[in-house]
Amino acid sequence: MERLLSVSQMAQSKTILDNPIGNGLDNLRATFKSICDDMHLPATLATLDVLSQEDVQSLTTDLLLALQNARASRLLPSAGGAKSLYVDLMKLGTAVYADNFDLDRTKTLLSAALAEEFRDGEIWSRLYRALNQDTPPQSLATSIQQTPWTLNTGCIVNSSELRRNVDPMLRAELENLYIGLPNFHQAFFGFGNVPDLNTVSKAIFRKCTEGEDALFQNGWTGWPTSAQESEVLAWLGGLIPKLEALDDRISILAAQRHLLARPRTPLEGSAGKRSLDVGFVRKKAISNLASKKFKYHWWHILIPGELKSNPKADTESDAWLDIARYAREVLASQDNRRFVLAFTLCGSMMRIWEFDRVGGIASEKFDINTKDGGLQFITAILGFLWMSEESLGFDPSIITCGNERRVEIQRHGQTERLIIDEVMTRSRCIAGRATTCWKAHGGDDDAKHKTPLVIKDSWQYTDRDEEGSLLREATEKGVINVARYYHHETVCVNGTIDDIQSNIRKHLDITKAANYGPKRLAVSPRASANGPGQSMLSPRESIPELGLPMPLPQASIHGPGRSPSSPRPSLLGPGRSMLSPRPSISSASRKVLNTGVKRASGDDDANLPPPKRSCSGPRSKTGEQAPPNRVHRRVIVRDFGKPIYKASSRVALLSALECCIAGHESLHKAGILHRDISINNLLINEDKDNPSFPAFLIDLDLAIKEQRDGTSGAKGKTGTRAFMAIGALRGDEKHSFMHDLESFFWVLYWICIHYNAQHRGRVVSFFDQWNYMDTEALVMIKKGLIIEDLDFVENAEENFSAYYRPLIPWVNRLRRLVFPNGLRWRVQEPGLYSSMMELLREACKDEQVACELNNQHIASTF
């Protein structure tokens, strides 16, 4: 019968048959359907993978209670030494809510119970398997009351993005990069992605080997033995049309695509200068090249490629990093791209790559000049020419019809069309949330009265609380100056939940990768993910220093200062900077910056900023970490604005900042903590016809409900380091509203340095390094900036743009509120909200602040 029941266990088989579960699971199945309906998802087993940890725990508990009520549980033997299976169920039900319980243990049991036609024997069998698994040791990460600060290339602000700065961060971001995966070709060129591709490829390859002028004779005819870039480009350019000519079919897509080779010409759309060795593009773009005014852009690239003459360049520090750099540019430039396929050709050794929001994976390498490799080469080239745009990673849920782009949602039981007006933001990263925002309006809106909407797509870890649920709660509670909820959903592609591991990667097993190794469980907020001397792909050991959070001392509020109960001294000593008695950017602080730069670029002991996410993912029953997974989620809000640094005047900027602080306080009083105050998450609305808030907060991706138990469920926490509070950077304090209030100060400080009256940003070398430098160095820099009045004012006068210099006295007064006596608050002070807002209102009345002289020179210069 079941695997559980051997011949010697026929009595147990009879017990199960004589005591059926019957309708005992009806309540469980009704609860599951209700959860799915609330999330606008189908009630299928696949949906289990995207439910929050809280929902899975609740369903698991309901299931265990239902099985306890089944008579068979009292008659079946215990999996251990207890009186019966009923006792085991009671213990398991208690363990489900323990911090160290791995819900994957019971996931297969839950799947069996929720199957359309469940079998009693299978359910009891899976229960025994779950009971027989040893509980894995508790991860230190589970005891952390907040998720660790982490970083990726999407957090870079006001930067020239020089390769020497970006590459170390990109290496850290791509710690989940695996090569040599078996069945890679089947996953991306099979599964119906390209009908008859394998059959046609074999036929064409056979033709290539026939005749006196065969294209393939113990290798490709005309292949340049030196494999120099220019020669390989010429060879590829000549071969591909010949391969297309050998195909008896007429491919519309192939006719629309072409090989592009411009290795010496930078492409438009990069923050820094970036060129591409080779790639496939639409032929329409090629035809436009005849125009002298035409400039090639990264959004033209369908499949990027990297060429190396030396087969030994097939390494992480060479070809792999280069192709990842190209993939990042493609993903950043194409707002409807879910993933990117790419290829590397090192000598005659080829790999096919796929980059997505978890990281990157690659096929086994193959020699295109061998028979087997030659066939794989043709399959890949024809696949690139023939694949649908959906198979190349474009999002089919964004529908293009002529010049109109739209999405369709199911809201209140009806289909709504939302017309996309423009792209607002697109995160420049590979692995991470990769947030994209579009301005939109309802398809049925009157042309003169379009209600502004914002569509936000992001890729969230599957055990993360949904931002849409928090926004809906905030809106229902009447929270002010926070973007108001309209709709949220999990994106489905072809009726399937759009996630990385199943929908995009087709369940490829990364444990079979050639470079697979155990990953650490958590990353110290102040320990390096991997220094430049350490491979981003090598097996990792657990890092002993986990930077556990230290709650703020429970002292009475007498102003700032170190509580006697806080045993850890400041990095800079009691109220002093270790940089100098009176630190300044222009002197001693620059030494710290240089130290940080040096450590980030050379020393083997160097600590880089942590990666985007720590690898504290779910664990399998063997105790090893399950592969990280992200799901594609969509949130729609009904407030639209522009970034706060685009305020029309200094007064408008300060008023908007006041509104955003008021919004944060309102959100905090509703029991939700934002935790990601940054320059792009504060918006202003100065359009009188726009019904949105005058200024408001967006992005609750990292928000949490306050006074919670346990962790937030996320693998890591992202912040833009330029705006992070000093305590958050240190990583030894539980994140509170006080940290967010400090972030408001850093946002204003940053704007005053980097923008002028025309909203034009600039790159300031010193502050550019804040994106990349060692975290402890940044802590010391920030402390050195705020410790004394005179130093702060001198540095502000040196660095503030001419337009924002009238704000220096007021930014300094704000500094005194946030850092009284040059120190950080060690207690929580709710009154800081009103103090900051009152100061901003007072600043708006200052004549020098309010006076907007029409001085073109001041307005346009820094």
Foldseek 3Di string as FASTA:
>chain_A
DDPVADPVRVVLVVLPVVFDLPCLCVVLLVLLCVVCVVQVADSALQVVLQAALVSLLVSVLSVLVSVLPGPSQQVADPLDPDNGNSVVSVVVNVCSPDLQAFSLLCSVLSNQSNDPDHDSVVNVVSVSSSSPFDRFDRDPQQQFAEFAAFDAPLLFDQFLPDVLFRLLRQLQQFLVEFEAFPCQCCQQLNPVQFPCLLVQLVVLQVQQCDDPNRQADLFGPQQDQQQDLVSVVVVVQVVPVVSVVSGPDDFPLLVQKHKDADQPAFAPQDSHGDGAGIAMFTVVLVVVVVDPPDGHHLCRGLETEEEASAPVQPDCVGRVSSRQVSQLSNQQVHVQFAKAWYKYQHNQWIKIKIFGQAHIYIHRIDRCSHSVNVSVVSSVSVCSRRGDSVSRGGHVQFDDDPPWTWHWDQDPNDIWIKTFDAWAHFRRGGHDFGKTKTWIFTPPDDPVATQIKIKIKTWAFSNFDDPLVLLQLLVVVPQPQAFHFDDKHFDADPSHFDKPCCPNSNNRDSCPGPLDAFFEQADALQAASAAPLDRSRHHDYYDPHNQRADAQDPDDDPDFADDPVDPDADPQGGLAHPQDNQFACVPSLVVLLVVQSVLRRDDNRRGWRRHNFGQNARAHSVRTHDRTMITMMMTMTRADFHFLLLQQALLLSLLQLLSALSSQLSSVVSQKHQQEDARGQKGADPDPSHPHDRIHGYDSSSMDGPPDDIYSRGRRDYYSQQQFALSSSSSHHDDDVLRVLSSSLSRVLVSQQAAFSNRHGHRDPSVSSSRITRSVSNSSSVLSCLQDLVSVLVNSVVGGQLRNNVCSVLSNVLSCLCAPNSHHHSDDDPCSSVVSSVSSVVSSPDCVRVDDDPDPVSRPTD
